[in-house]
């Protein structure tokens, strides 16, 4: 299983970006997908997750600004980021928890850099 992320870039504060991540390969079904981020000098943190058929979970600092969505037909997860702030600057990575073969496995995509200028 591979995860391919796209959509990062440079944006001014208050602007918007949309990140997308597509899972491909031997996928029986997706249990959940999500986005994490790691800012310079900080630990990686969960940004938002969405389980198949379940409710989304966002960290407090992005509530009302970021929206995560999952397309099970396409095996993609998107993160719409609005009202971006300089503190949102980080490398964003997508994660997928996928039923494949005989078990439930975690997969990670390469990070995509989001830079928000003030």
C-alpha atoms as a PDB file:
ATOM      1  CA  UNK A   1       0.000   0.000   0.000  1.00  0.00           C
ATOM      2  CA  UNK A   2       1.288   3.442  -0.899  1.00  0.00           C
ATOM      3  CA  UNK A   3       0.075   6.854   0.139  1.00  0.00           C
ATOM      4  CA  UNK A   4       0.636   9.814  -2.153  1.00  0.00           C
ATOM      5  CA  UNK A   5       0.095  13.269  -0.707  1.00  0.00           C
ATOM      6  CA  UNK A   6      -0.135  16.555  -2.556  1.00  0.00           C
ATOM      7  CA  UNK A   7      -1.237  20.136  -2.130  1.00  0.00           C
ATOM      8  CA  UNK A   8       1.305  21.776   0.140  1.00  0.00           C
ATOM      9  CA  UNK A   9       2.855  25.127  -0.593  1.00  0.00           C
ATOM     10  CA  UNK A  10       3.346  28.699   0.492  1.00  0.00           C
ATOM     11  CA  UNK A  11       0.376  30.850   1.419  1.00  0.00           C
ATOM     12  CA  UNK A  12      -0.172  34.116   3.245  1.00  0.00           C
ATOM     13  CA  UNK A  13      -1.862  34.193   6.607  1.00  0.00           C
ATOM     14  CA  UNK A  14      -5.604  34.052   6.193  1.00  0.00           C
ATOM     15  CA  UNK A  15      -5.332  32.056   3.009  1.00  0.00           C
ATOM     16  CA  UNK A  16      -6.398  28.524   2.173  1.00  0.00           C
ATOM     17  CA  UNK A  17      -4.819  25.300   0.991  1.00  0.00           C
ATOM     18  CA  UNK A  18      -6.205  21.867   0.297  1.00  0.00           C
ATOM     19  CA  UNK A  19      -4.162  18.753   0.946  1.00  0.00           C
ATOM     20  CA  UNK A  20      -5.019  15.458  -0.696  1.00  0.00           C
ATOM     21  CA  UNK A  21      -3.776  11.950  -0.020  1.00  0.00           C
ATOM     22  CA  UNK A  22      -4.528   8.898  -2.131  1.00  0.00           C
ATOM     23  CA  UNK A  23      -4.016   5.327  -0.995  1.00  0.00           C
ATOM     24  CA  UNK A  24      -3.287   2.653  -3.568  1.00  0.00           C
ATOM     25  CA  UNK A  25      -2.319  -0.991  -3.606  1.00  0.00           C
ATOM     26  CA  UNK A  26      -3.746  -4.019  -1.884  1.00  0.00           C
ATOM     27  CA  UNK A  27      -6.550  -2.447   0.093  1.00  0.00           C
ATOM     28  CA  UNK A  28      -9.448  -4.442   1.427  1.00  0.00           C
ATOM     29  CA  UNK A  29     -11.004  -1.526   3.232  1.00  0.00           C
ATOM     30  CA  UNK A  30     -10.022   1.639   5.005  1.00  0.00           C
ATOM     31  CA  UNK A  31     -10.516   1.758   8.744  1.00  0.00           C
ATOM     32  CA  UNK A  32      -9.507   5.399   9.110  1.00  0.00           C
ATOM     33  CA  UNK A  33      -7.335   8.092   7.569  1.00  0.00           C
ATOM     34  CA  UNK A  34      -5.866  11.216   9.000  1.00  0.00           C
ATOM     35  CA  UNK A  35      -3.383  14.045   8.840  1.00  0.00           C
ATOM     36  CA  UNK A  36      -0.509  14.755  11.186  1.00  0.00           C
ATOM     37  CA  UNK A  37       1.955  17.617  11.193  1.00  0.00           C
ATOM     38  CA  UNK A  38       5.381  18.363  12.528  1.00  0.00           C
ATOM     39  CA  UNK A  39       6.575  21.906  12.939  1.00  0.00           C
ATOM     40  CA  UNK A  40      10.281  22.745  13.179  1.00  0.00           C
ATOM     41  CA  UNK A  41      11.624  21.802  16.589  1.00  0.00           C
ATOM     42  CA  UNK A  42       8.367  20.223  17.691  1.00  0.00           C
ATOM     43  CA  UNK A  43       6.971  16.733  17.951  1.00  0.00           C
ATOM     44  CA  UNK A  44       4.558  15.386  15.394  1.00  0.00           C
ATOM     45  CA  UNK A  45       0.961  15.987  16.343  1.00  0.00           C
ATOM     46  CA  UNK A  46      -2.372  14.734  15.158  1.00  0.00           C
ATOM     47  CA  UNK A  47      -4.317  17.322  13.171  1.00  0.00           C
ATOM     48  CA  UNK A  48      -7.457  15.474  12.156  1.00  0.00           C
ATOM     49  CA  UNK A  49      -8.700  11.965  11.645  1.00  0.00           C
ATOM     50  CA  UNK A  50     -11.770  10.446  10.080  1.00  0.00           C
ATOM     51  CA  UNK A  51     -12.863   6.822  10.416  1.00  0.00           C
ATOM     52  CA  UNK A  52     -14.960   5.136   7.777  1.00  0.00           C
ATOM     53  CA  UNK A  53     -18.550   5.746   8.751  1.00  0.00           C
ATOM     54  CA  UNK A  54     -17.574   7.663  11.858  1.00  0.00           C
ATOM     55  CA  UNK A  55     -17.144  11.174  13.171  1.00  0.00           C
ATOM     56  CA  UNK A  56     -14.154  13.375  12.492  1.00  0.00           C
ATOM     57  CA  UNK A  57     -11.719  14.329  15.202  1.00  0.00           C
ATOM     58  CA  UNK A  58      -9.795  17.612  15.012  1.00  0.00           C
ATOM     59  CA  UNK A  59      -7.378  19.177  17.431  1.00  0.00           C
ATOM     60  CA  UNK A  60      -8.686  22.311  19.112  1.00  0.00           C
ATOM     61  CA  UNK A  61      -6.302  24.661  17.329  1.00  0.00           C
ATOM     62  CA  UNK A  62      -7.779  23.863  13.909  1.00  0.00           C
ATOM     63  CA  UNK A  63     -11.447  23.502  14.785  1.00  0.00           C
ATOM     64  CA  UNK A  64     -13.583  25.763  12.670  1.00  0.00           C
ATOM     65  CA  UNK A  65     -10.744  26.245  10.176  1.00  0.00           C
ATOM     66  CA  UNK A  66      -9.776  22.786   8.897  1.00  0.00           C
ATOM     67  CA  UNK A  67     -12.127  20.169   7.473  1.00  0.00           C
ATOM     68  CA  UNK A  68     -11.165  16.574   6.816  1.00  0.00           C
ATOM     69  CA  UNK A  69     -13.088  14.423   4.373  1.00  0.00           C
ATOM     70  CA  UNK A  70     -12.790  10.808   3.284  1.00  0.00           C
ATOM     71  CA  UNK A  71     -13.799   9.307  -0.049  1.00  0.00           C
ATOM     72  CA  UNK A  72     -13.935   5.553   0.408  1.00  0.00           C
ATOM     73  CA  UNK A  73     -14.672   4.950  -3.268  1.00  0.00           C
ATOM     74  CA  UNK A  74     -11.424   6.643  -4.256  1.00  0.00           C
ATOM     75  CA  UNK A  75      -9.429   5.813  -1.094  1.00  0.00           C
ATOM     76  CA  UNK A  76      -8.562   9.473  -0.647  1.00  0.00           C
ATOM     77  CA  UNK A  77      -8.532  11.828   2.287  1.00  0.00           C
ATOM     78  CA  UNK A  78      -8.541  15.592   1.905  1.00  0.00           C
ATOM     79  CA  UNK A  79      -7.774  18.344   4.375  1.00  0.00           C
ATOM     80  CA  UNK A  80      -9.276  21.715   3.545  1.00  0.00           C
ATOM     81  CA  UNK A  81      -7.375  24.356   5.486  1.00  0.00           C
ATOM     82  CA  UNK A  82      -8.878  27.828   5.739  1.00  0.00           C
ATOM     83  CA  UNK A  83      -7.876  30.917   7.688  1.00  0.00           C
ATOM     84  CA  UNK A  84      -4.329  29.635   7.872  1.00  0.00           C
ATOM     85  CA  UNK A  85      -2.021  31.033  10.518  1.00  0.00           C
ATOM     86  CA  UNK A  86       1.790  31.155  10.672  1.00  0.00           C
ATOM     87  CA  UNK A  87       1.647  28.598  13.477  1.00  0.00           C
ATOM     88  CA  UNK A  88       0.127  26.121  11.008  1.00  0.00           C
ATOM     89  CA  UNK A  89       3.486  25.993   9.250  1.00  0.00           C
ATOM     90  CA  UNK A  90       4.661  22.392   9.315  1.00  0.00           C
ATOM     91  CA  UNK A  91       5.281  19.280   7.310  1.00  0.00           C
ATOM     92  CA  UNK A  92       1.919  17.539   6.961  1.00  0.00           C
ATOM     93  CA  UNK A  93       1.781  13.763   6.586  1.00  0.00           C
ATOM     94  CA  UNK A  94      -1.167  11.546   5.861  1.00  0.00           C
ATOM     95  CA  UNK A  95      -1.815   8.305   7.675  1.00  0.00           C
ATOM     96  CA  UNK A  96      -4.061   5.414   6.785  1.00  0.00           C
ATOM     97  CA  UNK A  97      -5.150   2.488   8.882  1.00  0.00           C
ATOM     98  CA  UNK A  98      -6.073  -0.160   6.358  1.00  0.00           C
ATOM     99  CA  UNK A  99      -7.381  -3.692   6.384  1.00  0.00           C
ATOM    100  CA  UNK A 100      -5.011  -5.580   4.099  1.00  0.00           C
ATOM    101  CA  UNK A 101      -4.318  -9.284   3.965  1.00  0.00           C
ATOM    102  CA  UNK A 102      -4.731 -10.731   7.428  1.00  0.00           C
ATOM    103  CA  UNK A 103      -4.656  -7.627   9.513  1.00  0.00           C
ATOM    104  CA  UNK A 104      -4.997  -3.927  10.192  1.00  0.00           C
ATOM    105  CA  UNK A 105      -1.956  -1.939   9.186  1.00  0.00           C
ATOM    106  CA  UNK A 106      -0.719   1.635   9.529  1.00  0.00           C
ATOM    107  CA  UNK A 107       0.719   3.385   6.502  1.00  0.00           C
ATOM    108  CA  UNK A 108       2.321   6.807   6.112  1.00  0.00           C
ATOM    109  CA  UNK A 109       2.760   9.032   3.127  1.00  0.00           C
ATOM    110  CA  UNK A 110       5.642  11.400   2.511  1.00  0.00           C
ATOM    111  CA  UNK A 111       5.133  14.722   4.103  1.00  0.00           C
ATOM    112  CA  UNK A 112       4.146  17.827   2.243  1.00  0.00           C
ATOM    113  CA  UNK A 113       5.352  21.212   3.452  1.00  0.00           C
ATOM    114  CA  UNK A 114       2.869  23.926   4.305  1.00  0.00           C
ATOM    115  CA  UNK A 115       4.350  27.364   4.913  1.00  0.00           C
ATOM    116  CA  UNK A 116       2.166  30.216   6.102  1.00  0.00           C
ATOM    117  CA  UNK A 117       3.735  33.646   5.930  1.00  0.00           C
ATOM    118  CA  UNK A 118       2.665  36.495   8.179  1.00  0.00           C
END
